[in-house]
Amino acid sequence: MTDPKQRLDVLRADIERRNPAQPEFHQAVREVLDTLAPVFAARPEYAEAGLVERLVEPERQIIFRVPWTDDRGRVHVNRGYRVEFNSALGPYKGGLRFHPSVDIGVVKFLGFEQIFKNALTGLGIGGGKGGSDFDPHGRSDAEVMRFCQSFMTELYRHIGEHTDVPAGDIGVGGREIGYLFGQYRRITNRWEAGVLTGKGQGWGGSEIRPEATGYGSVLFAGEMLAVKGVSLDGLTAVVSGSGNVALYTVEKLQQLGANPLTCSDSQGYVVDDKGIDLALLRQIKEVERGRVSEYAARRGPSARFVPGGRVWEVPADVAFPSATQNELGADDARALIANGVKAVSEGANMPTTPEAVHLFQAAGVAFGPGKAANAGGVAVSALEMSQNAGRSAWSRDRVEDELAGIMREIHRVAYETAARYDAPGDYVTGANIAGFERVADAMLAQGVI
C-alpha cells in the first residue's frame, strides 16, 4: 500500500479497533493523522520505518489501585494511571490530572498530545501523562494528603528525573505536588528535585511556573495577530474557566492592554462589562475555593452571572478556551465568528471540537491549537528541570524572557512548516507536522525500539 492517505486511513481504523471506548484518544489521533499524508509523500522513509504505527502505541501504560481513608476513617479506592507515551526526545514529561472524568482514554489522549507539544518546545522532553479519577474538590487537606501519599507509593517506582517527570494538571496544584514530592522523598530517601515540576519556589520550583500556560497562550495569540498586523492592546477577550490557566490568561491579557470580559465554571459564566477584577476573582477561586457566581454577587452592577450559559455567546475580539476538552463546539464557533472574533488560542488541551476548528479556519480566524498555544506550561517545567539539575534558581525576568522566546519560536516553526506544506496560516497542520518531524527523526535515528 503506497498511497499515504490510504495507509493512514487504514491505520486510523486499526487504532480505533484496538482501543475501543476511548473517544478522546481517537479524536486526538485522527486530528494528527489527517495532516500527515503530505509528510509521508515527501518522506517515504517514515512510512517504511513504521514510525506512526509505533508512535500511536504508548511505550508503557501503568494502571494501579489507590486506596485511602477519609477523615471519618472510611476506605475509598480510586484508580491511578501513568501513560509513558514516547521518550525519543527525552524523559517522559506531562502532568497528572485528578478529576472524576479521568480514565485510560483521557490519559492517552493527553499523553499523545503531549508528545508533539513537548517536541515543539525544542527542550528535549518526551511525552507522557497520568492522573486518577479522584476528585479533590470538597476534600480536606488531610484527605488530599493521604490520597497523594497512596498514589505516590505506587507511582514512585516508575518515575525519576531521567525517566519520567510528572507535573500538575486539572486538580493537581501546588498543594498536591507538595504532598506527592514529600512522599517520593520519604520512600526513596533522595532529594531528587527534578522528579516533579510545579514545586514551590522555596524548594526547587521555578518562577512563573504557575503562570506559564496562561501567559504562553496569550503570547501565542499575540504572535498570530501580529502576522495580521493587529495588536492585543485595546482588544476585548472571552476566557473560559476560572482555574490556574484562566486566571493567568486574564492577567497576561491585562498586562498587554487587552480587556478580558469573562470567566466560567461548571455552573455557568460571568461577564463583566468593565473587565474582570483579577484580585477579586483570585480571592474567590484561589483563597476561598468558591464559585464564579460569587464574583458577580460581590463585583457590583458591571458583572452578571449567567447560569448554565456559555462564554462564547459574549462578543469579543479574541477567545481563549481554557477549561477542558471539547468545551467549544460548532454552534459556539458560529457565534464567535458572527461576533467578529479575530483569533482563538487554546489554553486547555483539545478544548475545541474538530467541527469548530474547521469553521474557524474556513472563516479566516487565526486558530492556535493547544499543542502549540499552551506549550508554555511544559516549557517552563523543562526550565525548572534545568534549574534543578544545576542547583540554581533563575530570576523571574529571565524565566519570562525564556518563555517569550520559546513561544515566538513555536509560532515561527508552526507558521513556516504550514507554509512549507502548502497550508499557509494553518497552525494545526504546522504544529502537527513540525512536532511529528522532530520526534520521527529521533525515532528513525534510534532504530526499531
Protein backbone atom coordinates (compact mmCIF):
# COMPACT_ATOMS: atom_id res chain seq x y z
CA MET A 1 0.00 0.00 0.00
CA THR A 2 1.86 3.09 -1.26
CA ASP A 3 -0.81 5.80 -1.11
CA PRO A 4 -0.05 7.77 2.10
CA LYS A 5 -3.64 8.81 2.75
CA GLN A 6 -4.96 5.29 2.28
CA ARG A 7 -2.27 3.94 4.59
CA LEU A 8 -3.16 6.47 7.29
CA ASP A 9 -6.90 5.74 6.94
CA VAL A 10 -6.25 2.02 7.46
CA LEU A 11 -4.05 2.80 10.45
CA ARG A 12 -6.72 5.03 11.99
CA ALA A 13 -9.34 2.31 11.66
CA ASP A 14 -6.97 -0.17 13.28
CA ILE A 15 -6.27 2.22 16.17
CA GLU A 16 -9.97 2.63 16.84
CA ARG A 17 -10.47 -1.14 16.74
CA ARG A 18 -7.59 -1.83 19.14
CA ASN A 19 -8.52 0.99 21.55
CA PRO A 20 -12.30 0.70 21.97
CA ALA A 21 -14.37 3.16 24.01
CA GLN A 22 -11.64 5.83 24.02
CA PRO A 23 -13.23 8.67 22.02
CA GLU A 24 -10.85 11.41 23.22
CA PHE A 25 -7.84 9.35 22.18
CA HIS A 26 -9.43 8.58 18.81
CA GLN A 27 -10.09 12.30 18.28
CA ALA A 28 -6.52 13.31 19.15
CA VAL A 29 -5.01 10.67 16.85
CA ARG A 30 -7.38 11.48 13.99
CA GLU A 31 -6.54 15.19 14.21
CA VAL A 32 -2.83 14.43 13.79
CA LEU A 33 -3.14 11.70 11.16
CA ASP A 34 -5.36 13.89 8.99
CA THR A 35 -2.42 16.27 8.49
CA LEU A 36 0.40 13.78 7.84
CA ALA A 37 -0.29 12.49 4.29
CA PRO A 38 1.91 15.15 2.62
CA VAL A 39 4.73 14.37 5.03
CA PHE A 40 4.71 10.70 4.06
CA ALA A 41 4.60 11.64 0.39
CA ALA A 42 7.71 13.80 0.87
CA ARG A 43 9.49 11.46 3.34
CA PRO A 44 8.69 7.82 2.40
CA GLU A 45 11.33 6.59 4.86
CA TYR A 46 8.95 7.49 7.67
CA ALA A 47 6.37 5.02 6.37
CA GLU A 48 8.96 2.33 5.68
CA ALA A 49 10.16 2.51 9.30
CA GLY A 50 6.64 2.10 10.71
CA LEU A 51 7.02 5.33 12.68
CA VAL A 52 3.35 6.20 13.01
CA GLU A 53 2.44 2.64 13.97
CA ARG A 54 4.94 2.88 16.82
CA LEU A 55 4.11 6.48 17.71
CA VAL A 56 0.42 5.80 18.40
CA GLU A 57 1.22 2.89 20.74
CA PRO A 58 2.43 4.00 24.19
CA GLU A 59 5.79 2.65 25.26
CA ARG A 60 4.25 1.82 28.63
CA GLN A 61 0.80 2.01 30.28
CA ILE A 62 0.53 1.73 34.05
CA ILE A 63 -2.79 1.30 35.90
CA PHE A 64 -2.90 0.83 39.65
CA ARG A 65 -5.16 0.83 42.71
CA VAL A 66 -5.10 3.83 45.05
CA PRO A 67 -6.66 3.06 48.47
CA TRP A 68 -7.02 5.86 51.03
CA THR A 69 -9.06 6.80 54.09
CA ASP A 70 -11.20 9.89 54.56
CA ASP A 71 -11.44 11.94 57.75
CA ARG A 72 -14.11 9.62 59.13
CA GLY A 73 -11.92 6.59 58.68
CA ARG A 74 -13.83 5.21 55.69
CA VAL A 75 -11.80 3.46 52.99
CA HIS A 76 -12.02 4.66 49.38
CA VAL A 77 -10.43 3.11 46.30
CA ASN A 78 -9.56 5.10 43.20
CA ARG A 79 -7.70 4.16 40.06
CA GLY A 80 -4.33 5.67 39.14
CA TYR A 81 -2.78 5.96 35.69
CA ARG A 82 0.52 6.82 34.07
CA VAL A 83 0.95 6.50 30.31
CA GLU A 84 4.58 6.84 29.22
CA PHE A 85 3.98 7.50 25.55
CA ASN A 86 7.24 8.37 23.81
CA SER A 87 10.78 9.03 25.04
CA ALA A 88 12.62 9.53 21.73
CA LEU A 89 13.48 13.16 22.61
CA GLY A 90 13.98 12.83 26.35
CA PRO A 91 12.37 11.65 29.59
CA TYR A 92 8.60 11.37 29.60
CA LYS A 93 7.11 14.70 30.64
CA GLY A 94 3.49 15.58 31.33
CA GLY A 95 1.04 16.39 34.08
CA LEU A 96 -1.14 14.46 36.49
CA ARG A 97 -4.88 15.14 36.39
CA PHE A 98 -7.15 14.40 39.38
CA HIS A 99 -10.77 14.54 38.19
CA PRO A 100 -13.74 12.14 38.09
CA SER A 101 -13.64 12.12 34.27
CA VAL A 102 -10.14 10.60 34.14
CA ASP A 103 -9.91 7.17 32.52
CA ILE A 104 -7.35 5.45 30.33
CA GLY A 105 -8.72 7.04 27.15
CA VAL A 106 -8.47 10.56 28.55
CA VAL A 107 -4.93 9.93 29.79
CA LYS A 108 -3.88 8.50 26.41
CA PHE A 109 -5.34 11.49 24.55
CA LEU A 110 -3.44 13.86 26.82
CA GLY A 111 -0.24 11.86 26.55
CA PHE A 112 -0.44 11.66 22.76
CA GLU A 113 -0.93 15.43 22.51
CA GLN A 114 1.98 15.90 24.91
CA ILE A 115 4.42 14.18 22.52
CA PHE A 116 4.01 16.91 19.91
CA LYS A 117 3.63 19.78 22.36
CA ASN A 118 6.89 18.86 24.08
CA ALA A 119 8.67 18.39 20.77
CA LEU A 120 7.64 21.89 19.69
CA THR A 121 9.38 23.45 22.70
CA GLY A 122 12.73 22.16 21.43
CA LEU A 123 13.76 21.36 25.01
CA GLY A 124 14.47 17.62 24.85
CA ILE A 125 11.48 16.11 26.64
CA GLY A 126 9.30 13.16 25.68
CA GLY A 127 5.54 12.77 26.11
CA GLY A 128 3.58 11.24 28.97
CA LYS A 129 0.54 11.88 31.14
CA GLY A 130 -1.19 10.47 34.19
CA GLY A 131 -3.74 11.01 36.90
CA SER A 132 -6.66 9.49 38.75
CA ASP A 133 -10.45 9.57 38.93
CA PHE A 134 -10.07 11.02 42.44
CA ASP A 135 -11.91 14.34 42.94
CA PRO A 136 -10.06 16.71 45.30
CA HIS A 137 -12.93 19.21 45.26
CA GLY A 138 -14.52 19.43 48.70
CA ARG A 139 -11.89 17.23 50.32
CA SER A 140 -9.88 18.39 53.33
CA ASP A 141 -6.15 18.96 53.12
CA ALA A 142 -5.63 15.83 55.23
CA GLU A 143 -7.71 13.72 52.83
CA VAL A 144 -5.87 15.08 49.81
CA MET A 145 -2.56 14.37 51.54
CA ARG A 146 -3.49 10.75 52.27
CA PHE A 147 -4.65 10.22 48.71
CA CYS A 148 -1.46 11.74 47.26
CA GLN A 149 0.72 9.63 49.55
CA SER A 150 -1.07 6.46 48.47
CA PHE A 151 -0.87 7.49 44.80
CA MET A 152 2.87 8.14 45.02
CA THR A 153 3.52 4.90 46.91
CA GLU A 154 2.87 3.12 43.61
CA LEU A 155 3.94 5.80 41.13
CA TYR A 156 7.40 6.38 42.63
CA ARG A 157 8.81 3.16 41.14
CA HIS A 158 8.01 4.34 37.61
CA ILE A 159 9.37 7.92 37.66
CA GLY A 160 12.69 9.74 38.02
CA GLU A 161 14.46 12.85 36.75
CA HIS A 162 15.99 10.89 33.84
CA THR A 163 12.97 8.63 33.28
CA ASP A 164 9.60 10.31 33.75
CA VAL A 165 8.88 13.74 35.25
CA PRO A 166 5.23 14.42 36.15
CA ALA A 167 3.78 17.87 36.82
CA GLY A 168 0.34 19.25 37.67
CA ASP A 169 -2.82 19.49 35.60
CA ILE A 170 -6.53 19.86 36.45
CA GLY A 171 -7.00 19.10 40.16
CA VAL A 172 -3.25 18.99 40.83
CA GLY A 173 -1.77 22.28 42.00
CA GLY A 174 0.93 23.34 44.43
CA ARG A 175 -0.72 21.57 47.36
CA GLU A 176 -0.89 18.22 45.60
CA ILE A 177 2.62 18.50 44.13
CA GLY A 178 3.94 19.18 47.63
CA TYR A 179 2.31 16.09 49.11
CA LEU A 180 3.44 13.94 46.15
CA PHE A 181 7.04 15.17 46.39
CA GLY A 182 7.12 14.67 50.15
CA GLN A 183 6.05 11.03 49.80
CA TYR A 184 8.54 10.43 46.97
CA ARG A 185 11.34 11.81 49.14
CA ARG A 186 10.18 9.75 52.11
CA ILE A 187 10.15 6.49 50.14
CA THR A 188 13.36 6.95 48.17
CA ASN A 189 15.43 8.85 50.76
CA ARG A 190 16.65 11.09 47.92
CA TRP A 191 16.34 14.82 47.33
CA GLU A 192 15.68 14.41 43.62
CA ALA A 193 14.18 17.81 42.86
CA GLY A 194 13.89 17.14 39.14
CA VAL A 195 11.45 14.26 39.56
CA LEU A 196 8.41 16.58 39.74
CA THR A 197 7.82 20.07 38.40
CA GLY A 198 5.45 22.73 39.63
CA LYS A 199 7.10 22.69 43.04
CA GLY A 200 7.07 25.60 45.47
CA GLN A 201 9.71 28.25 44.76
CA GLY A 202 11.29 27.74 48.17
CA TRP A 203 12.06 24.08 47.47
CA GLY A 204 13.07 23.68 43.86
CA GLY A 205 10.28 25.33 41.92
CA SER A 206 10.65 27.89 39.16
CA GLU A 207 9.48 31.46 38.87
CA ILE A 208 6.29 31.89 36.76
CA ARG A 209 5.60 28.14 36.50
CA PRO A 210 2.01 28.66 37.73
CA GLU A 211 1.55 31.48 35.22
CA ALA A 212 3.25 29.84 32.25
CA THR A 213 0.39 28.08 30.46
CA GLY A 214 -1.92 31.09 30.57
CA TYR A 215 0.87 33.53 29.75
CA GLY A 216 2.02 31.37 26.84
CA SER A 217 -1.46 31.10 25.35
CA VAL A 218 -1.74 34.90 25.28
CA LEU A 219 1.75 35.30 23.84
CA PHE A 220 0.93 32.84 21.07
CA ALA A 221 -2.27 34.73 20.28
CA GLY A 222 -0.23 37.91 20.10
CA GLU A 223 2.10 36.31 17.56
CA MET A 224 -0.81 35.12 15.39
CA LEU A 225 -2.36 38.59 15.45
CA ALA A 226 0.97 40.25 14.66
CA VAL A 227 1.10 38.32 11.38
CA LYS A 228 -2.20 40.04 10.53
CA GLY A 229 -0.84 43.43 11.61
CA VAL A 230 -3.01 43.54 14.76
CA SER A 231 -2.00 44.12 18.38
CA LEU A 232 -3.68 42.73 21.50
CA ASP A 233 -3.65 46.22 23.00
CA GLY A 234 -7.21 47.53 23.16
CA LEU A 235 -8.91 44.27 22.16
CA THR A 236 -11.65 42.52 24.15
CA ALA A 237 -11.35 38.85 25.09
CA VAL A 238 -13.52 35.98 26.29
CA VAL A 239 -11.85 33.45 28.57
CA SER A 240 -13.44 30.20 29.72
CA GLY A 241 -12.65 28.52 33.02
CA SER A 242 -11.55 30.01 36.31
CA GLY A 243 -8.67 27.75 37.25
CA ASN A 244 -4.95 28.34 37.02
CA VAL A 245 -4.78 28.66 33.23
CA ALA A 246 -7.75 31.04 33.02
CA LEU A 247 -6.53 33.26 35.87
CA TYR A 248 -3.13 33.83 34.31
CA THR A 249 -4.60 34.23 30.84
CA VAL A 250 -6.62 37.11 32.29
CA GLU A 251 -3.52 38.52 33.97
CA LYS A 252 -1.34 38.49 30.84
CA LEU A 253 -4.15 39.94 28.71
CA GLN A 254 -4.44 42.86 31.11
CA GLN A 255 -0.67 43.35 31.14
CA LEU A 256 -0.72 43.62 27.33
CA GLY A 257 -3.58 46.12 27.26
CA ALA A 258 -6.45 43.78 26.37
CA ASN A 259 -9.72 43.61 28.30
CA PRO A 260 -10.86 40.11 29.35
CA LEU A 261 -14.61 40.12 29.97
CA THR A 262 -15.48 36.62 31.17
CA CYS A 263 -14.71 33.62 33.33
CA SER A 264 -16.69 30.44 33.95
CA ASP A 265 -17.12 27.21 35.87
CA SER A 266 -19.39 24.17 35.63
CA GLN A 267 -22.42 26.20 36.83
CA GLY A 268 -22.25 29.00 34.24
CA TYR A 269 -20.28 32.10 33.39
CA VAL A 270 -19.71 35.67 34.48
CA VAL A 271 -19.47 38.60 32.09
CA ASP A 272 -18.06 41.84 33.47
CA ASP A 273 -18.58 44.87 31.26
CA LYS A 274 -15.71 46.71 32.97
CA GLY A 275 -13.35 43.78 32.58
CA ILE A 276 -12.52 41.06 35.09
CA ASP A 277 -11.34 42.24 38.51
CA LEU A 278 -8.46 39.79 38.83
CA ALA A 279 -7.82 40.40 42.52
CA LEU A 280 -11.43 39.61 43.39
CA LEU A 281 -11.55 36.54 41.14
CA ARG A 282 -8.30 35.23 42.60
CA GLN A 283 -9.59 35.74 46.16
CA ILE A 284 -12.73 33.76 45.39
CA LYS A 285 -11.09 30.93 43.44
CA GLU A 286 -7.65 30.51 44.99
CA VAL A 287 -8.28 31.51 48.61
CA GLU A 288 -11.95 30.74 49.23
CA ARG A 289 -12.26 27.99 46.58
CA GLY A 290 -15.69 29.41 45.71
CA ARG A 291 -17.82 29.62 42.54
CA VAL A 292 -17.76 32.32 39.88
CA SER A 293 -21.36 33.23 40.76
CA GLU A 294 -19.94 34.72 43.97
CA TYR A 295 -17.78 37.03 41.83
CA ALA A 296 -20.87 38.55 40.22
CA ALA A 297 -22.60 38.96 43.59
CA ARG A 298 -19.63 40.87 45.02
CA ARG A 299 -18.41 42.79 41.97
CA GLY A 300 -21.40 45.06 41.55
CA PRO A 301 -23.59 46.18 38.66
CA SER A 302 -20.95 45.76 35.93
CA ALA A 303 -20.95 41.96 36.34
CA ARG A 304 -23.70 39.41 35.89
CA PHE A 305 -23.79 35.65 36.26
CA VAL A 306 -25.42 33.56 33.51
CA PRO A 307 -26.32 30.13 34.94
CA GLY A 308 -25.73 27.29 32.52
CA GLY A 309 -24.56 29.72 29.84
CA ARG A 310 -21.52 29.60 27.58
CA VAL A 311 -18.95 32.38 27.39
CA TRP A 312 -18.75 32.08 23.61
CA GLU A 313 -22.01 33.99 23.19
CA VAL A 314 -20.29 37.15 24.51
CA PRO A 315 -18.96 39.34 21.66
CA ALA A 316 -15.17 39.76 21.74
CA ASP A 317 -12.11 40.13 19.50
CA VAL A 318 -10.16 37.11 20.79
CA ALA A 319 -11.17 33.88 22.54
CA PHE A 320 -9.25 31.68 24.97
CA PRO A 321 -10.80 28.27 25.73
CA SER A 322 -9.02 27.48 28.99
CA ALA A 323 -11.18 24.94 30.83
CA THR A 324 -11.36 21.41 29.43
CA GLN A 325 -11.60 19.26 26.31
CA ASN A 326 -14.37 19.78 23.74
CA GLU A 327 -15.86 22.79 25.52
CA LEU A 328 -16.15 24.88 22.33
CA GLY A 329 -18.40 23.31 19.71
CA ALA A 330 -19.67 24.19 16.25
CA ASP A 331 -22.54 26.40 17.47
CA ASP A 332 -20.12 28.25 19.74
CA ALA A 333 -17.75 28.79 16.82
CA ARG A 334 -20.56 30.19 14.69
CA ALA A 335 -21.46 32.62 17.46
CA LEU A 336 -17.87 33.80 17.84
CA ILE A 337 -17.43 34.20 14.08
CA ALA A 338 -20.70 36.13 13.78
CA ASN A 339 -19.44 38.46 16.51
CA GLY A 340 -16.20 39.14 14.64
CA VAL A 341 -13.63 37.11 16.57
CA LYS A 342 -10.13 37.54 15.12
CA ALA A 343 -8.18 34.78 16.89
CA VAL A 344 -8.72 31.73 19.10
CA SER A 345 -5.88 30.41 21.27
CA GLU A 346 -6.32 27.13 23.15
CA GLY A 347 -5.17 27.29 26.75
CA ALA A 348 -6.71 23.92 27.60
CA ASN A 349 -5.97 20.58 25.92
CA MET A 350 -8.16 19.95 22.85
CA PRO A 351 -10.97 22.28 24.04
CA THR A 352 -12.26 22.89 20.52
CA THR A 353 -14.18 20.21 18.61
CA PRO A 354 -13.00 19.31 15.08
CA GLU A 355 -16.14 20.85 13.56
CA ALA A 356 -15.46 24.15 15.35
CA VAL A 357 -11.82 24.15 14.24
CA HIS A 358 -12.88 23.74 10.60
CA LEU A 359 -15.37 26.59 10.93
CA PHE A 360 -12.70 28.93 12.32
CA GLN A 361 -10.27 28.01 9.57
CA ALA A 362 -12.88 28.46 6.83
CA ALA A 363 -13.74 31.89 8.24
CA GLY A 364 -10.11 33.01 8.27
CA VAL A 365 -9.91 33.17 12.07
CA ALA A 366 -6.37 32.61 13.35
CA PHE A 367 -6.57 29.37 15.35
CA GLY A 368 -3.83 28.32 17.77
CA PRO A 369 -4.09 24.60 18.67
CA GLY A 370 -3.30 23.58 22.24
CA LYS A 371 -0.17 21.63 21.38
CA ALA A 372 1.36 24.94 20.26
CA ALA A 373 -0.56 27.63 22.13
CA ASN A 374 -0.49 26.08 25.60
CA ALA A 375 3.04 24.69 25.44
CA GLY A 376 4.25 27.46 27.76
CA GLY A 377 3.47 25.39 30.85
CA VAL A 378 5.57 22.41 29.91
CA ALA A 379 8.27 24.71 28.55
CA VAL A 380 8.74 26.33 31.95
CA SER A 381 8.55 22.88 33.54
CA ALA A 382 11.55 21.94 31.41
CA LEU A 383 13.27 25.14 32.51
CA GLU A 384 12.52 24.09 36.11
CA MET A 385 14.25 20.78 35.39
CA SER A 386 17.28 22.68 34.08
CA GLN A 387 17.40 24.79 37.23
CA ASN A 388 17.11 21.67 39.40
CA ALA A 389 19.93 19.96 37.51
CA GLY A 390 22.21 22.94 38.12
CA ARG A 391 21.04 23.51 41.72
CA SER A 392 20.21 27.06 40.66
CA ALA A 393 17.26 29.46 40.68
CA TRP A 394 16.69 31.85 37.81
CA SER A 395 15.15 35.30 38.19
CA ARG A 396 11.56 35.98 37.20
CA ASP A 397 12.70 38.22 34.35
CA ARG A 398 14.99 35.52 32.97
CA VAL A 399 12.30 32.84 33.02
CA GLU A 400 9.73 35.15 31.49
CA ASP A 401 12.16 36.15 28.73
CA GLU A 402 12.88 32.46 28.06
CA LEU A 403 9.15 31.72 27.87
CA ALA A 404 8.50 34.59 25.46
CA GLY A 405 11.34 33.39 23.24
CA ILE A 406 10.07 29.81 23.24
CA MET A 407 6.53 30.87 22.33
CA ARG A 408 7.84 33.06 19.49
CA GLU A 409 9.86 30.11 18.19
CA ILE A 410 6.93 27.71 18.41
CA HIS A 411 4.83 30.17 16.41
CA ARG A 412 7.58 30.64 13.84
CA VAL A 413 8.12 26.91 13.36
CA ALA A 414 4.39 26.14 13.10
CA TYR A 415 3.79 29.05 10.71
CA GLU A 416 6.73 28.20 8.45
CA THR A 417 6.03 24.47 8.45
CA ALA A 418 2.43 25.09 7.40
CA ALA A 419 3.66 27.26 4.52
CA ARG A 420 6.23 24.59 3.54
CA TYR A 421 3.42 22.04 3.17
CA ASP A 422 1.13 24.37 1.19
CA ALA A 423 -1.15 25.18 4.12
CA PRO A 424 -0.34 28.84 4.82
CA GLY A 425 -1.82 30.12 8.07
CA ASP A 426 -2.96 26.64 9.18
CA TYR A 427 -1.38 26.35 12.62
CA VAL A 428 -2.97 22.93 13.23
CA THR A 429 -1.15 21.43 10.25
CA GLY A 430 2.04 23.37 11.00
CA ALA A 431 2.19 22.35 14.65
CA ASN A 432 1.34 18.71 13.98
CA ILE A 433 3.92 18.29 11.25
CA ALA A 434 6.68 20.25 12.98
CA GLY A 435 6.25 18.23 16.18
CA PHE A 436 5.98 14.96 14.27
CA GLU A 437 9.12 15.57 12.22
CA ARG A 438 11.22 16.22 15.32
CA VAL A 439 10.03 13.04 17.03
CA ALA A 440 10.16 10.96 13.84
CA ASP A 441 13.74 11.94 13.04
CA ALA A 442 14.83 10.91 16.54
CA MET A 443 12.96 7.61 16.30
CA LEU A 444 14.46 6.94 12.89
CA ALA A 445 17.97 7.53 14.22
CA GLN A 446 17.46 5.25 17.24
CA GLY A 447 16.24 2.16 15.40
CA VAL A 448 13.20 -0.05 15.83
CA ILE A 449 12.59 0.03 19.59
